[in-house]
Amino acid sequence: MKKRLRILVMLLTVLMLPACGKETEKPGEDTAAEEEKEPPAPGEENWGTAPDYSVPMITSTPIRFLSVNVGSTEEEVSLTWFSPEEEAGQVYWTTADDEDFQNAVLYDASVMASEVTSGYYVNRATVTGLLPETEYQYQVGTKEALSPVYMYTTPALSDTFTFAAVGDAQLGKPVEEMNRQKNNWHRLLNKVKYHFPDAGFLVSLGDQVNDFDDGEEYGAFLNQGVLYSLSLAPVKGNHDVGGPQYSEHFTLPNQSSLGTCDDDGDGDYWFTRGNALFLVLNTMDASKWGEHKEFIASAVEANPDTKWRIVFSHFSPYNAYESYVENARNIRPYFLEFAAAYDIDLVMCGHDHAYVRTHFIKEDGSFQEYESPADNPEGTMYVTLSSSSGSLYRRPGSQDEAAVSKKRDTPEVTGVQVSPDSLKISTYNAETWEMTDEYEIRKKET
C-alpha cells in the first residue's frame, strides 16, 4: 500500500512540473499577453500604436535637409540635400543585402550654391532603373562626408496601389507651439508607415511650413525617418511662397514653366503610377491660373492611355472657410473648365484646415449626388483635407456642393486605393485611426 502511495505522489509531482523550457504562468498572464499583441480596434488606437520609425537623422552629419521626392514613374526617385562642400556629391544606391555597398551604383548630383542657407550647396540627383518590390539602401554625400544609411523599398509595378495624402502641416503656426506640431507630424508619419506600408508615395497638399524663409521649420518638416524612406510629392502653398526655399528643397519630375510664381520657377509638374496620371498644380499666382489647362493638356497628351486623372492643388475651388470663399469662387471657373475638358476624376486640396468632400461637379457648376460606390459618375469630386499637424483647425461654412463639411480637432491622414476599376478614398483620425469619411468611385465598362 505504501509503495502504491509513493508511486501516486511521484506521478502527481511529474504532472505538476512545468513543461520543458516553459515557466509556470500566473493566472491571466497568458491572456493579457495575447491581448497586448492584438492590434487595437479601429477608433481605439493611440499615438503609441504605430512603432516609432527611428533612424539616425541627417543632422548627425555635416549634411542638411535631405528630401526624397517622387520620380516620373515608379522606376525613379529624386534626392535633394544640402552640403557644406562645393564639390558635387553622389548617391550611393544598392540593394539591402549589399551591406558594404560593394556593388553600389553611383549617381552624380548637380550642385549649386544655396541662396537661403549660407555656406551650403544644394545637391540634386535622380536614381533610375529601380526594380519593383525591392528593398534598397542608400547614402548621399561625398567620400569625405556621407549621410547615414537609409532604406527605400519600391512598390509593385501595378495598376493597383495605394498612396497617402495629408493637408497642411504648416509647422510653426504658431511658432511657440512648433515642438508640439513637430511631434504630431512625426507621429502621423509613423501611422502612415504602419497602416500604409506599401504606399507608393505621400502627397503633402501645401504649406509645409508657416514661414517660407525659416530653415528651422523646414528642418522640422524634413528631418523625419519616414520621409527618408518614402517618396514625397509636395504641393506649393501660400506659406511656401516668397523665396527660393521651396525650390531648393524639392526636386520635382516633369516640371513645367507653366503655373510658376513670380519669385521662383516652381511650375506645375506631373508623374504617373500604374494607370493613373497625377497633375500637381502651383495655384499661388492668380495671373497664371489660365495656364493650368495648357499644362494639363500637354501632360494628358504625353500620357493618353491613363485611366485615372487626379489633380493636387493647395487652393480649392470648393473650400468652405469663410475668409477663403472669395478666392475659391475666383479660381473655380478655371477648374470647372479643365476638369471637364480632360475628364479629371478627383481633385485633392489643402489650405482650409477643415475637411470638405463635394458631390460630383459638372462643367456648368451644377452637381450630381451619388451614393457610394458611385458607378461612372458624371463630373469631378473635390476633397479638401484638414491639418496634418494640429497647427490650426477651422470651422467650415455650409455650401450646397458639399456632401461632407466638418471641422476636425485632431490631425488627419487620407489613404487612396487605386485599382483598374475604382478609387477608394478613406480618411482617418490619425491618433485613433477612426475612419471619419470614406467614398468609392468606380469606372465600369459600358
Protein backbone atom coordinates (compact mmCIF):
# COMPACT_ATOMS: atom_id res chain seq x y z
CA MET A 1 0.00 0.00 0.00
CA LYS A 2 2.82 2.42 0.92
CA LYS A 3 4.59 1.58 -2.34
CA ARG A 4 1.47 2.41 -4.36
CA LEU A 5 1.10 5.70 -2.47
CA ARG A 6 4.71 6.72 -3.24
CA ILE A 7 4.17 5.96 -6.95
CA LEU A 8 0.97 8.05 -6.98
CA VAL A 9 2.75 11.01 -5.34
CA MET A 10 5.58 10.80 -7.90
CA LEU A 11 3.12 10.79 -10.78
CA LEU A 12 1.29 13.80 -9.41
CA THR A 13 4.60 15.65 -8.95
CA VAL A 14 5.63 14.98 -12.54
CA LEU A 15 2.25 16.14 -13.87
CA MET A 16 2.53 19.36 -11.89
CA LEU A 17 6.02 20.22 -13.22
CA PRO A 18 6.19 22.93 -15.93
CA ALA A 19 6.82 21.82 -19.47
CA CYS A 20 10.45 21.78 -20.60
CA GLY A 21 11.73 25.29 -21.29
CA LYS A 22 8.48 26.92 -20.16
CA GLU A 23 7.97 28.87 -16.98
CA THR A 24 4.84 28.40 -14.96
CA GLU A 25 2.26 31.06 -15.76
CA LYS A 26 0.27 33.02 -13.29
CA PRO A 27 -3.48 33.13 -13.84
CA GLY A 28 -4.39 35.67 -16.51
CA GLU A 29 -0.78 36.35 -17.66
CA ASP A 30 -1.05 34.46 -20.96
CA THR A 31 -4.39 36.05 -21.81
CA ALA A 32 -3.08 39.52 -21.03
CA ALA A 33 -0.01 38.98 -23.25
CA GLU A 34 -2.18 37.82 -26.14
CA GLU A 35 -4.45 40.84 -25.75
CA GLU A 36 -1.44 43.17 -25.86
CA LYS A 37 -0.24 41.61 -29.12
CA GLU A 38 -3.56 42.12 -30.88
CA PRO A 39 -3.87 45.48 -32.66
CA PRO A 40 -6.45 47.87 -31.24
CA ALA A 41 -9.86 48.00 -32.88
CA PRO A 42 -10.48 50.89 -35.31
CA GLY A 43 -11.15 54.02 -33.32
CA GLU A 44 -9.33 52.69 -30.26
CA GLU A 45 -5.71 53.29 -31.27
CA ASN A 46 -3.45 55.88 -29.71
CA TRP A 47 -0.31 57.65 -30.89
CA GLY A 48 1.81 54.83 -29.50
CA THR A 49 0.08 52.14 -31.56
CA ALA A 50 2.42 52.64 -34.50
CA PRO A 51 6.08 51.76 -33.84
CA ASP A 52 8.44 54.69 -33.89
CA TYR A 53 10.30 54.59 -37.21
CA SER A 54 13.56 55.85 -35.80
CA VAL A 55 16.75 56.23 -37.84
CA PRO A 56 19.82 58.48 -37.48
CA MET A 57 18.94 61.98 -38.60
CA ILE A 58 20.82 63.62 -41.45
CA THR A 59 21.82 66.28 -38.90
CA SER A 60 24.19 63.76 -37.28
CA THR A 61 26.47 64.54 -40.26
CA PRO A 62 27.50 67.83 -41.92
CA ILE A 63 24.71 67.26 -44.48
CA ARG A 64 21.35 69.00 -44.08
CA PHE A 65 17.78 68.91 -45.46
CA LEU A 66 17.58 65.51 -47.17
CA SER A 67 14.43 65.29 -49.28
CA VAL A 68 13.22 62.17 -51.13
CA ASN A 69 10.80 63.04 -53.93
CA VAL A 70 8.64 61.20 -56.43
CA GLY A 71 10.14 60.35 -59.78
CA SER A 72 8.38 60.45 -63.11
CA THR A 73 7.43 56.77 -62.69
CA GLU A 74 7.80 54.04 -60.03
CA GLU A 75 11.24 53.30 -61.51
CA GLU A 76 12.68 56.64 -60.38
CA VAL A 77 13.22 58.62 -57.19
CA SER A 78 14.87 62.02 -56.77
CA LEU A 79 17.00 63.09 -53.81
CA THR A 80 17.95 66.58 -52.71
CA TRP A 81 20.34 67.54 -49.91
CA PHE A 82 22.44 70.45 -48.70
CA SER A 83 26.19 70.02 -48.23
CA PRO A 84 28.87 72.41 -46.91
CA GLU A 85 31.18 71.14 -49.67
CA GLU A 86 31.31 72.92 -53.00
CA GLU A 87 32.18 69.61 -54.67
CA ALA A 88 29.18 67.83 -56.17
CA GLY A 89 28.03 64.85 -54.13
CA GLN A 90 26.74 61.47 -55.20
CA VAL A 91 24.01 59.00 -54.33
CA TYR A 92 25.35 55.55 -53.39
CA TRP A 93 22.48 53.17 -54.18
CA THR A 94 22.40 49.41 -53.74
CA THR A 95 20.24 46.50 -52.61
CA ALA A 96 19.67 45.88 -48.92
CA ASP A 97 21.78 42.71 -48.89
CA ASP A 98 24.86 44.57 -50.15
CA GLU A 99 25.89 45.63 -46.66
CA ASP A 100 29.25 47.10 -47.58
CA PHE A 101 27.98 48.89 -50.70
CA GLN A 102 30.45 46.88 -52.81
CA ASN A 103 28.00 46.80 -55.73
CA ALA A 104 26.54 50.25 -55.27
CA VAL A 105 25.57 52.28 -58.32
CA LEU A 106 26.71 55.90 -58.11
CA TYR A 107 24.52 58.75 -59.33
CA ASP A 108 26.22 62.12 -59.73
CA ALA A 109 24.41 65.14 -58.35
CA SER A 110 24.16 68.56 -59.88
CA VAL A 111 25.26 71.25 -57.45
CA MET A 112 24.58 74.94 -56.92
CA ALA A 113 25.22 77.39 -54.08
CA SER A 114 22.22 77.79 -51.80
CA GLU A 115 20.63 81.22 -51.82
CA VAL A 116 18.98 80.70 -48.46
CA THR A 117 21.43 78.67 -46.33
CA SER A 118 24.77 80.44 -46.17
CA GLY A 119 27.80 78.24 -46.75
CA TYR A 120 25.80 75.33 -48.17
CA TYR A 121 25.36 73.85 -51.64
CA VAL A 122 22.20 72.23 -53.00
CA ASN A 123 22.74 68.76 -54.49
CA ARG A 124 20.17 67.04 -56.73
CA ALA A 125 20.25 63.54 -58.20
CA THR A 126 17.69 61.18 -59.73
CA VAL A 127 18.01 57.42 -59.26
CA THR A 128 16.67 55.44 -62.22
CA GLY A 129 16.04 51.83 -63.23
CA LEU A 130 14.51 50.76 -59.91
CA LEU A 131 13.10 47.24 -59.75
CA PRO A 132 9.63 46.60 -58.31
CA GLU A 133 9.14 45.32 -54.77
CA THR A 134 12.85 45.58 -53.97
CA GLU A 135 14.44 46.74 -50.73
CA TYR A 136 17.29 49.15 -51.33
CA GLN A 137 19.69 51.08 -49.14
CA TYR A 138 21.41 54.35 -49.95
CA GLN A 139 23.73 57.11 -48.78
CA VAL A 140 24.27 60.63 -50.11
CA GLY A 141 27.28 62.94 -49.98
CA THR A 142 30.94 62.61 -50.83
CA LYS A 143 33.59 60.14 -49.66
CA GLU A 144 34.69 62.71 -47.09
CA ALA A 145 31.17 63.30 -45.72
CA LEU A 146 28.44 60.69 -46.18
CA SER A 147 24.97 60.53 -44.73
CA PRO A 148 23.82 57.60 -42.58
CA VAL A 149 22.46 54.57 -44.45
CA TYR A 150 18.75 54.75 -45.20
CA MET A 151 16.33 52.19 -46.60
CA TYR A 152 13.94 52.58 -49.54
CA THR A 153 11.53 49.89 -50.76
CA THR A 154 9.94 50.18 -54.19
CA PRO A 155 6.25 49.39 -54.70
CA ALA A 156 4.95 46.83 -57.17
CA LEU A 157 4.63 47.87 -60.80
CA SER A 158 0.86 47.54 -60.85
CA ASP A 159 -2.37 49.30 -61.72
CA THR A 160 -3.44 48.53 -58.13
CA PHE A 161 -1.65 50.60 -55.49
CA THR A 162 -2.14 52.95 -52.54
CA PHE A 163 -0.91 56.45 -51.80
CA ALA A 164 -1.33 58.63 -48.72
CA ALA A 165 -2.33 62.30 -48.63
CA VAL A 166 -2.16 64.96 -45.92
CA GLY A 167 -3.31 68.54 -45.59
CA ASP A 168 -1.33 71.47 -44.28
CA ALA A 169 1.41 70.62 -41.80
CA GLN A 170 2.25 74.36 -41.61
CA LEU A 171 4.87 73.80 -38.92
CA GLY A 172 5.45 76.98 -36.94
CA LYS A 173 1.85 78.20 -36.73
CA PRO A 174 2.11 79.48 -34.03
CA VAL A 175 5.88 79.37 -33.64
CA GLU A 176 5.78 78.83 -29.87
CA GLU A 177 3.96 75.52 -30.46
CA MET A 178 6.35 74.18 -33.06
CA ASN A 179 7.64 71.35 -30.86
CA ARG A 180 4.09 70.07 -30.36
CA GLN A 181 3.38 70.31 -34.09
CA LYS A 182 6.64 68.60 -34.99
CA ASN A 183 5.80 65.80 -32.57
CA ASN A 184 2.34 65.39 -34.11
CA TRP A 185 3.85 65.39 -37.60
CA HIS A 186 6.33 62.71 -36.54
CA ARG A 187 3.60 60.56 -35.00
CA LEU A 188 1.33 60.97 -38.03
CA LEU A 189 4.15 59.81 -40.33
CA ASN A 190 4.63 56.75 -38.13
CA LYS A 191 0.93 55.98 -38.64
CA VAL A 192 1.35 56.34 -42.41
CA LYS A 193 4.26 53.89 -42.32
CA TYR A 194 2.29 51.50 -40.09
CA HIS A 195 -1.03 51.50 -41.93
CA PHE A 196 0.21 52.03 -45.49
CA PRO A 197 3.47 50.05 -45.59
CA ASP A 198 3.18 49.62 -49.35
CA ALA A 199 2.25 53.22 -50.12
CA GLY A 200 3.66 54.37 -53.44
CA PHE A 201 4.13 57.94 -52.20
CA LEU A 202 2.88 60.64 -49.82
CA VAL A 203 1.38 63.87 -51.12
CA SER A 204 1.58 66.99 -48.92
CA LEU A 205 -1.05 69.43 -50.18
CA GLY A 206 0.81 72.66 -49.48
CA ASP A 207 2.00 74.85 -46.59
CA GLN A 208 4.71 72.53 -45.43
CA VAL A 209 5.87 75.37 -43.16
CA ASN A 210 4.38 78.57 -41.81
CA ASP A 211 7.27 80.90 -42.75
CA PHE A 212 8.67 80.26 -46.24
CA ASP A 213 12.11 81.51 -45.18
CA ASP A 214 12.51 79.62 -41.91
CA GLY A 215 15.14 76.89 -42.11
CA GLU A 216 14.22 75.54 -38.69
CA GLU A 217 10.65 74.93 -39.84
CA TYR A 218 11.85 73.16 -42.97
CA GLY A 219 14.15 71.07 -40.81
CA ALA A 220 11.21 70.10 -38.60
CA PHE A 221 9.24 69.06 -41.67
CA LEU A 222 12.00 67.14 -43.46
CA ASN A 223 14.03 65.61 -40.60
CA GLN A 224 11.74 62.60 -40.29
CA GLY A 225 12.85 58.99 -40.62
CA VAL A 226 9.71 58.02 -42.53
CA LEU A 227 10.41 60.68 -45.16
CA TYR A 228 13.88 59.22 -45.79
CA SER A 229 12.16 56.01 -46.93
CA LEU A 230 9.02 57.26 -48.69
CA SER A 231 8.71 59.42 -51.81
CA LEU A 232 7.13 62.81 -51.15
CA ALA A 233 5.05 64.75 -53.69
CA PRO A 234 4.91 68.33 -52.31
CA VAL A 235 2.40 70.95 -53.43
CA LYS A 236 3.27 74.62 -53.16
CA GLY A 237 1.09 76.57 -50.73
CA ASN A 238 0.73 80.25 -49.95
CA HIS A 239 3.02 79.93 -46.91
CA ASP A 240 5.70 78.39 -49.14
CA VAL A 241 5.78 81.48 -51.37
CA GLY A 242 8.28 84.33 -51.02
CA GLY A 243 11.69 83.00 -51.94
CA PRO A 244 13.65 80.01 -53.24
CA GLN A 245 13.39 77.83 -50.09
CA TYR A 246 10.72 75.55 -51.58
CA SER A 247 12.59 75.37 -54.90
CA GLU A 248 15.85 74.43 -53.20
CA HIS A 249 14.36 71.72 -51.00
CA PHE A 250 12.50 69.69 -53.63
CA THR A 251 13.40 68.13 -56.99
CA LEU A 252 10.24 67.51 -59.00
CA PRO A 253 9.60 65.46 -62.16
CA ASN A 254 8.37 66.80 -65.49
CA GLN A 255 8.26 70.33 -64.10
CA SER A 256 6.71 72.88 -66.43
CA SER A 257 7.33 76.57 -66.94
CA LEU A 258 3.55 76.96 -66.71
CA GLY A 259 1.97 77.97 -63.40
CA THR A 260 5.12 79.47 -61.88
CA CYS A 261 5.15 82.14 -59.20
CA ASP A 262 6.99 85.38 -59.90
CA ASP A 263 9.50 84.66 -57.13
CA ASP A 264 10.67 81.26 -58.38
CA GLY A 265 10.44 78.62 -61.10
CA ASP A 266 8.14 76.16 -59.34
CA GLY A 267 5.75 75.41 -62.16
CA ASP A 268 3.21 72.60 -62.39
CA TYR A 269 4.54 69.03 -62.59
CA TRP A 270 3.22 65.56 -63.33
CA PHE A 271 4.06 61.90 -62.69
CA THR A 272 2.43 58.54 -63.27
CA ARG A 273 1.83 55.47 -61.13
CA GLY A 274 0.22 52.40 -62.65
CA ASN A 275 -2.71 53.52 -64.77
CA ALA A 276 -3.02 56.92 -63.06
CA LEU A 277 -1.77 60.36 -64.06
CA PHE A 278 -1.09 62.82 -61.23
CA LEU A 279 -1.15 66.52 -62.05
CA VAL A 280 0.35 68.84 -59.40
CA LEU A 281 -0.61 72.49 -59.77
CA ASN A 282 1.05 75.60 -58.37
CA THR A 283 -2.02 77.81 -57.94
CA MET A 284 -0.27 80.57 -56.00
CA ASP A 285 -0.22 83.19 -58.78
CA ALA A 286 -3.72 84.22 -59.85
CA SER A 287 -2.37 85.71 -63.07
CA LYS A 288 -1.21 82.20 -64.10
CA TRP A 289 -4.46 80.31 -63.36
CA GLY A 290 -5.28 80.17 -67.06
CA GLU A 291 -2.03 78.29 -67.74
CA HIS A 292 -3.05 75.16 -65.84
CA LYS A 293 -5.33 73.98 -68.64
CA GLU A 294 -2.42 74.18 -71.09
CA PHE A 295 -0.21 72.23 -68.69
CA ILE A 296 -2.85 69.52 -68.21
CA ALA A 297 -3.37 69.28 -71.96
CA SER A 298 0.35 68.63 -72.50
CA ALA A 299 0.53 66.06 -69.67
CA VAL A 300 -2.53 64.19 -70.95
CA GLU A 301 -1.08 64.21 -74.46
CA ALA A 302 2.11 62.63 -73.08
CA ASN A 303 0.07 60.01 -71.19
CA PRO A 304 -3.07 59.48 -73.30
CA ASP A 305 -3.92 55.98 -72.07
CA THR A 306 -4.07 56.57 -68.31
CA LYS A 307 -7.46 55.64 -66.91
CA TRP A 308 -7.41 57.83 -63.80
CA ARG A 309 -6.54 61.53 -63.70
CA ILE A 310 -6.02 63.14 -60.31
CA VAL A 311 -5.17 66.79 -59.60
CA PHE A 312 -3.35 68.07 -56.50
CA SER A 313 -3.68 71.77 -55.62
CA HIS A 314 -3.28 73.87 -52.50
CA PHE A 315 -6.13 76.25 -53.28
CA SER A 316 -9.52 74.59 -53.60
CA PRO A 317 -12.37 75.92 -55.71
CA TYR A 318 -14.76 74.47 -53.12
CA ASN A 319 -13.23 75.17 -49.74
CA ALA A 320 -15.71 76.34 -47.16
CA TYR A 321 -13.82 78.55 -44.71
CA GLU A 322 -15.50 81.94 -44.82
CA SER A 323 -12.36 84.03 -45.39
CA TYR A 324 -11.34 81.89 -48.37
CA VAL A 325 -14.67 81.70 -50.18
CA GLU A 326 -13.93 84.65 -52.48
CA ASN A 327 -10.64 83.10 -53.61
CA ALA A 328 -12.43 79.80 -54.19
CA ARG A 329 -15.07 81.44 -56.35
CA ASN A 330 -12.42 83.27 -58.37
CA ILE A 331 -10.42 80.13 -59.15
CA ARG A 332 -13.48 77.91 -59.69
CA PRO A 333 -14.12 78.66 -63.39
CA TYR A 334 -10.61 77.50 -64.31
CA PHE A 335 -11.08 74.18 -62.52
CA LEU A 336 -14.53 73.62 -63.99
CA GLU A 337 -13.15 74.14 -67.48
CA PHE A 338 -10.10 71.88 -67.36
CA ALA A 339 -11.74 69.22 -65.19
CA ALA A 340 -14.48 68.75 -67.78
CA ALA A 341 -12.19 69.07 -70.80
CA TYR A 342 -9.74 66.40 -69.57
CA ASP A 343 -12.00 64.09 -67.55
CA ILE A 344 -10.45 64.76 -64.15
CA ASP A 345 -11.78 62.21 -61.68
CA LEU A 346 -10.59 63.68 -58.39
CA VAL A 347 -9.13 66.96 -57.14
CA MET A 348 -7.39 66.95 -53.74
CA CYS A 349 -6.62 70.26 -52.00
CA GLY A 350 -5.41 71.81 -48.75
CA HIS A 351 -5.42 75.40 -47.39
CA ASP A 352 -8.74 75.27 -45.49
CA HIS A 353 -7.66 73.40 -42.32
CA ALA A 354 -11.11 71.81 -42.45
CA TYR A 355 -12.47 68.75 -44.24
CA VAL A 356 -14.73 69.04 -47.28
CA ARG A 357 -15.83 66.42 -49.81
CA THR A 358 -18.11 67.61 -52.59
CA HIS A 359 -20.68 65.93 -54.72
CA PHE A 360 -19.70 65.49 -58.38
CA ILE A 361 -19.38 68.91 -60.02
CA LYS A 362 -20.16 69.37 -63.71
CA GLU A 363 -18.69 71.91 -66.13
CA ASP A 364 -21.55 74.38 -65.61
CA GLY A 365 -21.13 74.28 -61.84
CA SER A 366 -24.18 72.13 -61.21
CA PHE A 367 -23.66 68.96 -59.22
CA GLN A 368 -24.94 65.41 -59.01
CA GLU A 369 -25.32 63.38 -55.81
CA TYR A 370 -24.30 59.71 -55.88
CA GLU A 371 -24.36 57.08 -53.17
CA SER A 372 -21.05 55.32 -52.62
CA PRO A 373 -19.87 53.45 -54.59
CA ALA A 374 -20.58 55.78 -57.48
CA ASP A 375 -20.62 53.95 -60.80
CA ASN A 376 -19.42 56.03 -63.75
CA PRO A 377 -20.33 59.35 -62.11
CA GLU A 378 -20.66 62.46 -64.24
CA GLY A 379 -18.45 65.29 -63.03
CA THR A 380 -15.46 65.69 -60.70
CA MET A 381 -15.16 65.18 -56.95
CA TYR A 382 -13.22 67.72 -54.86
CA VAL A 383 -11.74 66.73 -51.49
CA THR A 384 -10.11 69.30 -49.20
CA LEU A 385 -8.07 67.88 -46.32
CA SER A 386 -7.65 69.25 -42.80
CA SER A 387 -4.44 69.80 -40.81
CA SER A 388 -1.85 67.02 -40.52
CA SER A 389 -0.03 68.54 -37.52
CA GLY A 390 -2.74 70.23 -35.48
CA SER A 391 -1.23 73.65 -36.16
CA LEU A 392 -4.67 75.10 -36.91
CA TYR A 393 -8.26 73.89 -37.30
CA ARG A 394 -11.09 75.90 -38.81
CA ARG A 395 -14.85 75.56 -38.92
CA PRO A 396 -16.17 75.40 -42.50
CA GLY A 397 -19.32 77.16 -43.58
CA SER A 398 -22.13 75.39 -45.38
CA GLN A 399 -22.32 75.10 -49.16
CA ASP A 400 -24.73 73.22 -51.40
CA GLU A 401 -21.98 71.40 -53.31
CA ALA A 402 -20.55 69.77 -50.17
CA ALA A 403 -21.51 66.21 -49.29
CA VAL A 404 -19.34 66.40 -46.14
CA SER A 405 -18.10 69.59 -44.47
CA LYS A 406 -16.61 69.34 -40.97
CA LYS A 407 -14.19 70.94 -38.54
CA ARG A 408 -11.61 68.49 -37.22
CA ASP A 409 -9.91 68.61 -33.84
CA THR A 410 -7.06 66.15 -34.40
CA PRO A 411 -4.61 65.57 -37.27
CA GLU A 412 -5.95 63.52 -40.17
CA VAL A 413 -4.50 61.39 -42.95
CA THR A 414 -6.17 60.07 -46.11
CA GLY A 415 -5.40 56.85 -47.95
CA VAL A 416 -6.37 56.42 -51.60
CA GLN A 417 -6.57 52.92 -53.03
CA VAL A 418 -6.29 52.89 -56.81
CA SER A 419 -7.27 49.87 -58.88
CA PRO A 420 -8.12 49.40 -62.55
CA ASP A 421 -11.82 49.97 -61.84
CA SER A 422 -12.04 52.07 -58.69
CA LEU A 423 -10.72 54.87 -56.49
CA LYS A 424 -11.40 54.38 -52.79
CA ILE A 425 -10.78 57.43 -50.60
CA SER A 426 -10.56 56.78 -46.84
CA THR A 427 -9.83 59.48 -44.25
CA TYR A 428 -8.78 58.72 -40.68
CA ASN A 429 -8.31 60.43 -37.35
CA ALA A 430 -4.53 59.94 -37.20
CA GLU A 431 -4.45 59.31 -33.45
CA THR A 432 -7.32 56.83 -33.01
CA TRP A 433 -7.44 55.61 -36.61
CA GLU A 434 -11.18 56.01 -36.57
CA MET A 435 -12.45 56.35 -40.14
CA THR A 436 -14.02 59.79 -40.50
CA ASP A 437 -15.04 59.59 -44.15
CA GLU A 438 -14.97 57.06 -46.99
CA TYR A 439 -16.08 57.12 -50.60
CA GLU A 440 -15.54 54.95 -53.67
CA ILE A 441 -15.62 55.95 -57.35
CA ARG A 442 -15.99 53.18 -59.91
CA LYS A 443 -15.40 53.14 -63.63
CA LYS A 444 -17.26 50.30 -65.28
CA GLU A 445 -17.16 49.39 -68.92
CA THR A 446 -20.47 50.21 -70.60
